[in-house]
PDB file of N, CA and C in Angstrom:
ATOM      1  N   UNK A   1       0.755  20.654  37.860  1.00  0.00           N
ATOM      2  CA  UNK A   1       0.054  21.375  36.816  1.00  0.00           C
ATOM      3  C   UNK A   1      -0.465  22.722  37.331  1.00  0.00           C
ATOM      4  N   UNK A   2      -0.882  22.791  38.584  1.00  0.00           N
ATOM      5  CA  UNK A   2      -1.404  24.045  39.142  1.00  0.00           C
ATOM      6  C   UNK A   2      -0.254  24.871  39.694  1.00  0.00           C
ATOM      7  N   UNK A   3      -0.296  26.157  39.423  1.00  0.00           N
ATOM      8  CA  UNK A   3       0.743  27.066  39.886  1.00  0.00           C
ATOM      9  C   UNK A   3       0.184  28.045  40.899  1.00  0.00           C
ATOM     10  N   UNK A   4       1.021  28.458  41.837  1.00  0.00           N
ATOM     11  CA  UNK A   4       0.622  29.442  42.841  1.00  0.00           C
ATOM     12  C   UNK A   4       0.770  30.834  42.245  1.00  0.00           C
ATOM     13  N   UNK A   5      -0.282  31.649  42.364  1.00  0.00           N
ATOM     14  CA  UNK A   5      -0.248  33.025  41.876  1.00  0.00           C
ATOM     15  C   UNK A   5      -0.620  33.970  43.025  1.00  0.00           C
ATOM     16  N   UNK A   6      -0.153  35.207  42.932  1.00  0.00           N
ATOM     17  CA  UNK A   6      -0.430  36.215  43.947  1.00  0.00           C
ATOM     18  C   UNK A   6      -1.426  37.211  43.394  1.00  0.00           C
ATOM     19  N   UNK A   7      -2.391  37.612  44.233  1.00  0.00           N
ATOM     20  CA  UNK A   7      -3.386  38.608  43.835  1.00  0.00           C
ATOM     21  C   UNK A   7      -3.080  39.922  44.549  1.00  0.00           C
ATOM     22  N   UNK A   8      -3.088  41.027  43.791  1.00  0.00           N
ATOM     23  CA  UNK A   8      -2.829  42.327  44.397  1.00  0.00           C
ATOM     24  C   UNK A   8      -3.993  43.267  44.123  1.00  0.00           C
ATOM     25  N   UNK A   9      -4.204  44.184  45.029  1.00  0.00           N
ATOM     26  CA  UNK A   9      -5.283  45.162  44.927  1.00  0.00           C
ATOM     27  C   UNK A   9      -4.987  46.115  43.775  1.00  0.00           C
ATOM     28  N   UNK A  10      -5.999  46.438  42.983  1.00  0.00           N
ATOM     29  CA  UNK A  10      -5.787  47.342  41.857  1.00  0.00           C
ATOM     30  C   UNK A  10      -5.757  48.807  42.283  1.00  0.00           C
ATOM     31  N   UNK A  11      -6.220  49.108  43.492  1.00  0.00           N
ATOM     32  CA  UNK A  11      -6.220  50.495  43.957  1.00  0.00           C
ATOM     33  C   UNK A  11      -4.964  50.854  44.732  1.00  0.00           C
ATOM     34  N   UNK A  12      -4.602  50.050  45.732  1.00  0.00           N
ATOM     35  CA  UNK A  12      -3.434  50.389  46.552  1.00  0.00           C
ATOM     36  C   UNK A  12      -2.185  49.586  46.182  1.00  0.00           C
ATOM     37  N   UNK A  13      -2.318  48.603  45.306  1.00  0.00           N
ATOM     38  CA  UNK A  13      -1.214  47.767  44.805  1.00  0.00           C
ATOM     39  C   UNK A  13      -0.575  46.863  45.854  1.00  0.00           C
ATOM     40  N   UNK A  14      -1.244  46.645  46.963  1.00  0.00           N
ATOM     41  CA  UNK A  14      -0.737  45.730  47.987  1.00  0.00           C
ATOM     42  C   UNK A  14      -1.035  44.289  47.583  1.00  0.00           C
ATOM     43  N   UNK A  15      -0.104  43.401  47.856  1.00  0.00           N
ATOM     44  CA  UNK A  15      -0.300  41.979  47.569  1.00  0.00           C
ATOM     45  C   UNK A  15      -0.959  41.324  48.768  1.00  0.00           C
ATOM     46  N   UNK A  16      -2.218  40.921  48.613  1.00  0.00           N
ATOM     47  CA  UNK A  16      -3.008  40.469  49.753  1.00  0.00           C
ATOM     48  C   UNK A  16      -3.279  38.976  49.770  1.00  0.00           C
ATOM     49  N   UNK A  17      -3.466  38.349  48.638  1.00  0.00           N
ATOM     50  CA  UNK A  17      -3.935  36.962  48.585  1.00  0.00           C
ATOM     51  C   UNK A  17      -3.053  36.116  47.680  1.00  0.00           C
ATOM     52  N   UNK A  18      -3.040  34.818  47.964  1.00  0.00           N
ATOM     53  CA  UNK A  18      -2.432  33.840  47.061  1.00  0.00           C
ATOM     54  C   UNK A  18      -3.482  32.794  46.724  1.00  0.00           C
ATOM     55  N   UNK A  19      -3.384  32.251  45.531  1.00  0.00           N
ATOM     56  CA  UNK A  19      -4.305  31.213  45.091  1.00  0.00           C
ATOM     57  C   UNK A  19      -3.584  30.359  44.059  1.00  0.00           C
ATOM     58  N   UNK A  20      -4.250  29.320  43.581  1.00  0.00           N
ATOM     59  CA  UNK A  20      -3.657  28.465  42.551  1.00  0.00           C
ATOM     60  C   UNK A  20      -4.516  28.518  41.304  1.00  0.00           C
ATOM     61  N   UNK A  21      -3.878  28.277  40.185  1.00  0.00           N
ATOM     62  CA  UNK A  21      -4.624  28.196  38.932  1.00  0.00           C
ATOM     63  C   UNK A  21      -3.960  27.213  37.994  1.00  0.00           C
ATOM     64  N   UNK A  22      -4.744  26.685  37.085  1.00  0.00           N
ATOM     65  CA  UNK A  22      -4.253  25.788  36.051  1.00  0.00           C
ATOM     66  C   UNK A  22      -3.921  26.642  34.831  1.00  0.00           C
ATOM     67  N   UNK A  23      -2.646  26.702  34.463  1.00  0.00           N
ATOM     68  CA  UNK A  23      -2.231  27.583  33.368  1.00  0.00           C
ATOM     69  C   UNK A  23      -2.685  27.090  31.989  1.00  0.00           C
ATOM     70  N   UNK A  24      -2.979  25.809  31.882  1.00  0.00           N
ATOM     71  CA  UNK A  24      -3.457  25.307  30.590  1.00  0.00           C
ATOM     72  C   UNK A  24      -4.894  25.733  30.315  1.00  0.00           C
ATOM     73  N   UNK A  25      -5.743  25.718  31.334  1.00  0.00           N
ATOM     74  CA  UNK A  25      -7.150  26.050  31.115  1.00  0.00           C
ATOM     75  C   UNK A  25      -7.418  27.547  31.213  1.00  0.00           C
ATOM     76  N   UNK A  26      -6.602  28.287  31.987  1.00  0.00           N
ATOM     77  CA  UNK A  26      -6.788  29.738  32.128  1.00  0.00           C
ATOM     78  C   UNK A  26      -5.464  30.459  31.893  1.00  0.00           C
ATOM     79  N   UNK A  27      -5.106  30.677  30.643  1.00  0.00           N
ATOM     80  CA  UNK A  27      -3.832  31.347  30.360  1.00  0.00           C
ATOM     81  C   UNK A  27      -3.852  32.852  30.659  1.00  0.00           C
ATOM     82  N   UNK A  28      -5.061  33.453  30.705  1.00  0.00           N
ATOM     83  CA  UNK A  28      -5.140  34.888  30.988  1.00  0.00           C
ATOM     84  C   UNK A  28      -5.059  35.126  32.497  1.00  0.00           C
ATOM     85  N   UNK A  29      -4.927  36.391  32.894  1.00  0.00           N
ATOM     86  CA  UNK A  29      -4.773  36.738  34.307  1.00  0.00           C
ATOM     87  C   UNK A  29      -6.106  36.678  35.039  1.00  0.00           C
ATOM     88  N   UNK A  30      -6.052  36.191  36.266  1.00  0.00           N
ATOM     89  CA  UNK A  30      -7.245  36.099  37.099  1.00  0.00           C
ATOM     90  C   UNK A  30      -7.591  37.460  37.691  1.00  0.00           C
ATOM     91  N   UNK A  31      -8.876  37.677  37.920  1.00  0.00           N
ATOM     92  CA  UNK A  31      -9.318  38.885  38.604  1.00  0.00           C
ATOM     93  C   UNK A  31     -10.563  38.567  39.430  1.00  0.00           C
ATOM     94  N   UNK A  32     -10.515  38.927  40.721  1.00  0.00           N
ATOM     95  CA  UNK A  32     -11.614  38.693  41.647  1.00  0.00           C
ATOM     96  C   UNK A  32     -11.902  39.960  42.424  1.00  0.00           C
ATOM     97  N   UNK A  33     -13.156  40.096  42.888  1.00  0.00           N
ATOM     98  CA  UNK A  33     -13.479  41.145  43.847  1.00  0.00           C
ATOM     99  C   UNK A  33     -13.284  40.559  45.235  1.00  0.00           C
ATOM    100  N   UNK A  34     -12.304  41.102  45.961  1.00  0.00           N
ATOM    101  CA  UNK A  34     -11.993  40.602  47.288  1.00  0.00           C
ATOM    102  C   UNK A  34     -11.805  41.777  48.242  1.00  0.00           C
ATOM    103  N   UNK A  35     -11.811  41.465  49.536  1.00  0.00           N
ATOM    104  CA  UNK A  35     -11.671  42.511  50.537  1.00  0.00           C
ATOM    105  C   UNK A  35     -10.197  42.871  50.715  1.00  0.00           C
ATOM    106  N   UNK A  36      -9.908  44.168  50.678  1.00  0.00           N
ATOM    107  CA  UNK A  36      -8.556  44.666  50.911  1.00  0.00           C
ATOM    108  C   UNK A  36      -8.515  45.284  52.307  1.00  0.00           C
ATOM    109  N   UNK A  37      -7.660  44.767  53.164  1.00  0.00           N
ATOM    110  CA  UNK A  37      -7.599  45.293  54.531  1.00  0.00           C
ATOM    111  C   UNK A  37      -6.901  46.632  54.603  1.00  0.00           C
ATOM    112  N   UNK A  38      -6.153  46.999  53.575  1.00  0.00           N
ATOM    113  CA  UNK A  38      -5.487  48.302  53.549  1.00  0.00           C
ATOM    114  C   UNK A  38      -6.447  49.400  53.089  1.00  0.00           C
ATOM    115  N   UNK A  39      -7.268  49.099  52.086  1.00  0.00           N
ATOM    116  CA  UNK A  39      -8.298  50.044  51.624  1.00  0.00           C
ATOM    117  C   UNK A  39      -9.547  49.992  52.502  1.00  0.00           C
ATOM    118  N   UNK A  40      -9.718  48.887  53.209  1.00  0.00           N
ATOM    119  CA  UNK A  40     -10.874  48.620  54.063  1.00  0.00           C
ATOM    120  C   UNK A  40     -12.188  48.609  53.282  1.00  0.00           C
ATOM    121  N   UNK A  41     -12.145  48.000  52.094  1.00  0.00           N
ATOM    122  CA  UNK A  41     -13.339  47.822  51.272  1.00  0.00           C
ATOM    123  C   UNK A  41     -13.074  46.723  50.243  1.00  0.00           C
ATOM    124  N   UNK A  42     -14.119  46.312  49.556  1.00  0.00           N
ATOM    125  CA  UNK A  42     -13.990  45.326  48.486  1.00  0.00           C
ATOM    126  C   UNK A  42     -13.500  46.018  47.219  1.00  0.00           C
ATOM    127  N   UNK A  43     -12.428  45.470  46.647  1.00  0.00           N
ATOM    128  CA  UNK A  43     -11.843  46.045  45.442  1.00  0.00           C
ATOM    129  C   UNK A  43     -11.470  44.915  44.492  1.00  0.00           C
ATOM    130  N   UNK A  44     -11.283  45.209  43.214  1.00  0.00           N
ATOM    131  CA  UNK A  44     -10.803  44.170  42.287  1.00  0.00           C
ATOM    132  C   UNK A  44      -9.350  43.806  42.594  1.00  0.00           C
ATOM    133  N   UNK A  45      -9.074  42.539  42.640  1.00  0.00           N
ATOM    134  CA  UNK A  45      -7.723  42.031  42.841  1.00  0.00           C
ATOM    135  C   UNK A  45      -7.305  41.273  41.591  1.00  0.00           C
ATOM    136  N   UNK A  46      -6.145  41.596  41.076  1.00  0.00           N
ATOM    137  CA  UNK A  46      -5.654  41.002  39.829  1.00  0.00           C
ATOM    138  C   UNK A  46      -4.388  40.210  40.094  1.00  0.00           C
ATOM    139  N   UNK A  47      -4.180  39.204  39.270  1.00  0.00           N
ATOM    140  CA  UNK A  47      -3.005  38.356  39.376  1.00  0.00           C
ATOM    141  C   UNK A  47      -1.737  39.147  39.051  1.00  0.00           C
ATOM    142  N   UNK A  48      -0.687  38.930  39.852  1.00  0.00           N
ATOM    143  CA  UNK A  48       0.618  39.545  39.600  1.00  0.00           C
ATOM    144  C   UNK A  48       1.671  38.452  39.553  1.00  0.00           C
ATOM    145  N   UNK A  49       2.894  38.831  39.344  1.00  0.00           N
ATOM    146  CA  UNK A  49       3.995  37.868  39.301  1.00  0.00           C
ATOM    147  C   UNK A  49       4.292  37.311  40.677  1.00  0.00           C
TER     148      UNK A  49
END
């Protein structure tokens, strides 16, 4: 039921993190504030394909 999704930085577009989500309970895209090692700061990370 849970699918693996990739999170990418909204500023530099690098794919930094992977996580899982339940597509039935959260059909919209995930977004978290996480640390980007390329930007070297905390930035919003959004779910990508």
